[in-house]
Amino acid sequence: MTDICPMDIFTITIDGQRFEVKPFVKGYGMAFHVDTGEGLVVFELDEEDNLRAIAQGPVPPDTVLVGRIADAIVAHYA
């Protein structure tokens, strides 16, 4: 079950392209949905609080873009 609160949704911008980030609760932690326009990327926090991509599709985005999105999510909460 995902629990997304519209107040928690935020937008990040990378190279002029905007991405909507939707945080949700997954198990005992946090995860994030990001639609890249080519597919959905799901990020989750691992045991050491590192953000990692766990699902991508239907077309996996560029791995550099995925890393930059993860960095922007972390920076949003810093």
N, C-alpha and C. Protein backbone atom coordinates (compact mmCIF):
# COMPACT_ATOMS: atom_id res chain seq x y z
N MET A 1 0.84 -1.18 0.00
CA MET A 1 0.00 0.00 0.00
C MET A 1 0.89 1.24 0.00
N THR A 2 0.59 2.16 -0.87
CA THR A 2 1.35 3.41 -0.90
C THR A 2 0.50 4.51 -0.30
N ASP A 3 1.15 5.40 0.40
CA ASP A 3 0.45 6.50 1.05
C ASP A 3 1.13 7.79 0.64
N ILE A 4 0.61 8.42 -0.44
CA ILE A 4 1.19 9.66 -0.95
C ILE A 4 0.32 10.82 -0.50
N CYS A 5 0.92 11.81 0.10
CA CYS A 5 0.22 13.01 0.52
C CYS A 5 0.54 14.12 -0.48
N PRO A 6 -0.48 14.71 -1.12
CA PRO A 6 -0.21 15.75 -2.12
C PRO A 6 0.63 16.91 -1.59
N MET A 7 0.57 17.19 -0.30
CA MET A 7 1.36 18.28 0.27
C MET A 7 2.85 17.95 0.25
N ASP A 8 3.21 16.69 0.20
CA ASP A 8 4.61 16.26 0.24
C ASP A 8 5.24 16.18 -1.14
N ILE A 9 4.44 16.25 -2.20
CA ILE A 9 4.96 16.17 -3.57
C ILE A 9 5.76 17.43 -3.86
N PHE A 10 6.94 17.26 -4.46
CA PHE A 10 7.75 18.42 -4.81
C PHE A 10 8.34 18.22 -6.20
N THR A 11 8.85 19.31 -6.76
CA THR A 11 9.40 19.30 -8.10
C THR A 11 10.89 19.62 -8.04
N ILE A 12 11.67 18.88 -8.81
CA ILE A 12 13.10 19.17 -8.95
C ILE A 12 13.35 19.52 -10.42
N THR A 13 14.39 20.29 -10.66
CA THR A 13 14.75 20.68 -12.03
C THR A 13 16.19 20.27 -12.29
N ILE A 14 16.38 19.55 -13.39
CA ILE A 14 17.71 19.12 -13.81
C ILE A 14 17.87 19.51 -15.28
N ASP A 15 18.85 20.35 -15.55
CA ASP A 15 19.11 20.83 -16.92
C ASP A 15 17.85 21.37 -17.58
N GLY A 16 17.07 22.12 -16.82
CA GLY A 16 15.86 22.74 -17.35
C GLY A 16 14.65 21.81 -17.43
N GLN A 17 14.83 20.55 -17.16
CA GLN A 17 13.72 19.59 -17.20
C GLN A 17 13.19 19.39 -15.78
N ARG A 18 11.87 19.51 -15.64
CA ARG A 18 11.23 19.38 -14.33
C ARG A 18 10.72 17.96 -14.10
N PHE A 19 10.92 17.48 -12.88
CA PHE A 19 10.46 16.15 -12.48
C PHE A 19 9.65 16.28 -11.20
N GLU A 20 8.50 15.66 -11.18
CA GLU A 20 7.67 15.64 -9.98
C GLU A 20 8.07 14.44 -9.13
N VAL A 21 8.35 14.68 -7.87
CA VAL A 21 8.77 13.62 -6.94
C VAL A 21 7.63 13.37 -5.96
N LYS A 22 7.19 12.12 -5.89
CA LYS A 22 6.09 11.75 -5.01
C LYS A 22 6.59 10.81 -3.92
N PRO A 23 6.81 11.34 -2.71
CA PRO A 23 7.26 10.49 -1.61
C PRO A 23 6.13 9.59 -1.12
N PHE A 24 6.48 8.41 -0.65
CA PHE A 24 5.48 7.53 -0.03
C PHE A 24 6.16 6.63 0.98
N VAL A 25 5.34 6.07 1.85
CA VAL A 25 5.84 5.16 2.88
C VAL A 25 5.88 3.75 2.28
N LYS A 26 7.01 3.07 2.44
CA LYS A 26 7.17 1.69 1.96
C LYS A 26 7.72 0.87 3.10
N GLY A 27 6.90 -0.01 3.64
CA GLY A 27 7.34 -0.79 4.80
C GLY A 27 7.60 0.14 5.96
N TYR A 28 8.82 0.11 6.46
CA TYR A 28 9.19 0.99 7.57
C TYR A 28 10.01 2.19 7.11
N GLY A 29 10.11 2.41 5.81
CA GLY A 29 10.94 3.48 5.31
C GLY A 29 10.23 4.35 4.29
N MET A 30 11.02 5.16 3.63
CA MET A 30 10.51 6.07 2.62
C MET A 30 10.95 5.61 1.23
N ALA A 31 10.12 5.94 0.26
CA ALA A 31 10.45 5.68 -1.14
C ALA A 31 9.89 6.85 -1.95
N PHE A 32 10.29 6.93 -3.20
CA PHE A 32 9.91 8.06 -4.03
C PHE A 32 9.62 7.59 -5.45
N HIS A 33 8.50 8.03 -6.02
CA HIS A 33 8.18 7.80 -7.43
C HIS A 33 8.61 9.02 -8.21
N VAL A 34 9.29 8.82 -9.33
CA VAL A 34 9.65 9.91 -10.23
C VAL A 34 9.35 9.46 -11.66
N ASP A 35 8.48 10.21 -12.34
CA ASP A 35 8.18 9.92 -13.74
C ASP A 35 9.14 10.74 -14.59
N THR A 36 9.99 10.06 -15.36
CA THR A 36 10.99 10.75 -16.18
C THR A 36 10.44 11.15 -17.55
N GLY A 37 9.21 10.78 -17.83
CA GLY A 37 8.65 11.03 -19.16
C GLY A 37 8.82 9.82 -20.06
N GLU A 38 9.83 9.01 -19.79
CA GLU A 38 10.06 7.77 -20.53
C GLU A 38 9.67 6.56 -19.71
N GLY A 39 9.57 6.76 -18.42
CA GLY A 39 9.23 5.65 -17.54
C GLY A 39 9.26 6.10 -16.09
N LEU A 40 8.82 5.22 -15.23
CA LEU A 40 8.77 5.49 -13.80
C LEU A 40 10.02 4.93 -13.14
N VAL A 41 10.64 5.73 -12.27
CA VAL A 41 11.76 5.27 -11.47
C VAL A 41 11.31 5.33 -10.02
N VAL A 42 11.53 4.25 -9.29
CA VAL A 42 11.20 4.20 -7.87
C VAL A 42 12.52 4.16 -7.09
N PHE A 43 12.66 5.09 -6.17
CA PHE A 43 13.83 5.14 -5.31
C PHE A 43 13.40 4.75 -3.91
N GLU A 44 14.27 4.07 -3.17
CA GLU A 44 13.98 3.81 -1.76
C GLU A 44 15.25 4.00 -0.95
N LEU A 45 15.05 4.28 0.33
CA LEU A 45 16.18 4.39 1.25
C LEU A 45 16.56 3.00 1.71
N ASP A 46 17.87 2.68 1.65
CA ASP A 46 18.31 1.38 2.13
C ASP A 46 18.62 1.46 3.63
N GLU A 47 19.17 0.40 4.18
CA GLU A 47 19.41 0.32 5.61
C GLU A 47 20.37 1.40 6.12
N GLU A 48 21.27 1.87 5.27
CA GLU A 48 22.24 2.91 5.65
C GLU A 48 21.76 4.30 5.24
N ASP A 49 20.48 4.45 4.91
CA ASP A 49 19.89 5.72 4.47
C ASP A 49 20.48 6.23 3.17
N ASN A 50 20.93 5.32 2.31
CA ASN A 50 21.35 5.68 0.96
C ASN A 50 20.16 5.51 0.03
N LEU A 51 20.00 6.43 -0.89
CA LEU A 51 18.89 6.37 -1.84
C LEU A 51 19.34 5.55 -3.04
N ARG A 52 18.53 4.57 -3.43
CA ARG A 52 18.89 3.76 -4.59
C ARG A 52 17.66 3.51 -5.44
N ALA A 53 17.87 3.39 -6.74
CA ALA A 53 16.78 3.10 -7.68
C ALA A 53 16.47 1.61 -7.59
N ILE A 54 15.19 1.27 -7.40
CA ILE A 54 14.82 -0.14 -7.29
C ILE A 54 13.96 -0.62 -8.45
N ALA A 55 13.36 0.30 -9.21
CA ALA A 55 12.53 -0.11 -10.33
C ALA A 55 12.59 0.96 -11.40
N GLN A 56 12.65 0.53 -12.63
CA GLN A 56 12.65 1.45 -13.74
C GLN A 56 11.86 0.84 -14.88
N GLY A 57 11.09 1.65 -15.55
CA GLY A 57 10.40 1.12 -16.70
C GLY A 57 9.32 2.05 -17.18
N PRO A 58 8.76 1.80 -18.32
CA PRO A 58 9.08 0.70 -19.23
C PRO A 58 10.39 0.93 -19.97
N VAL A 59 10.81 2.17 -20.14
CA VAL A 59 12.09 2.46 -20.77
C VAL A 59 13.02 3.00 -19.69
N PRO A 60 14.06 2.25 -19.33
CA PRO A 60 14.97 2.74 -18.29
C PRO A 60 15.64 4.05 -18.71
N PRO A 61 15.60 5.06 -17.86
CA PRO A 61 16.27 6.32 -18.20
C PRO A 61 17.78 6.18 -18.09
N ASP A 62 18.45 7.16 -18.60
CA ASP A 62 19.91 7.23 -18.53
C ASP A 62 20.35 7.11 -17.07
N THR A 63 21.37 6.30 -16.80
CA THR A 63 21.81 6.08 -15.42
C THR A 63 22.38 7.35 -14.80
N VAL A 64 22.95 8.23 -15.62
CA VAL A 64 23.45 9.50 -15.09
C VAL A 64 22.27 10.35 -14.61
N LEU A 65 21.17 10.35 -15.37
CA LEU A 65 19.98 11.09 -14.97
C LEU A 65 19.42 10.52 -13.67
N VAL A 66 19.38 9.21 -13.54
CA VAL A 66 18.88 8.58 -12.32
C VAL A 66 19.72 9.02 -11.12
N GLY A 67 21.03 9.05 -11.28
CA GLY A 67 21.91 9.50 -10.21
C GLY A 67 21.68 10.96 -9.85
N ARG A 68 21.48 11.79 -10.85
CA ARG A 68 21.25 13.22 -10.60
C ARG A 68 19.90 13.45 -9.92
N ILE A 69 18.89 12.65 -10.28
CA ILE A 69 17.60 12.75 -9.61
C ILE A 69 17.75 12.35 -8.14
N ALA A 70 18.47 11.26 -7.88
CA ALA A 70 18.70 10.82 -6.50
C ALA A 70 19.41 11.91 -5.70
N ASP A 71 20.43 12.53 -6.30
CA ASP A 71 21.15 13.62 -5.62
C ASP A 71 20.22 14.79 -5.31
N ALA A 72 19.33 15.11 -6.24
CA ALA A 72 18.40 16.23 -6.03
C ALA A 72 17.37 15.92 -4.93
N ILE A 73 16.94 14.67 -4.84
CA ILE A 73 16.02 14.28 -3.77
C ILE A 73 16.70 14.43 -2.43
N VAL A 74 17.94 13.95 -2.32
CA VAL A 74 18.70 14.06 -1.07
C VAL A 74 18.89 15.54 -0.71
N ALA A 75 19.24 16.36 -1.70
CA ALA A 75 19.46 17.79 -1.45
C ALA A 75 18.17 18.48 -0.99
N HIS A 76 17.03 18.01 -1.50
CA HIS A 76 15.74 18.60 -1.09
C HIS A 76 15.53 18.47 0.41
N TYR A 77 15.96 17.37 0.98
CA TYR A 77 15.74 17.12 2.41
C TYR A 77 16.91 17.57 3.29
N ALA A 78 18.00 18.03 2.67
CA ALA A 78 19.19 18.45 3.46
C ALA A 78 18.96 19.79 4.13
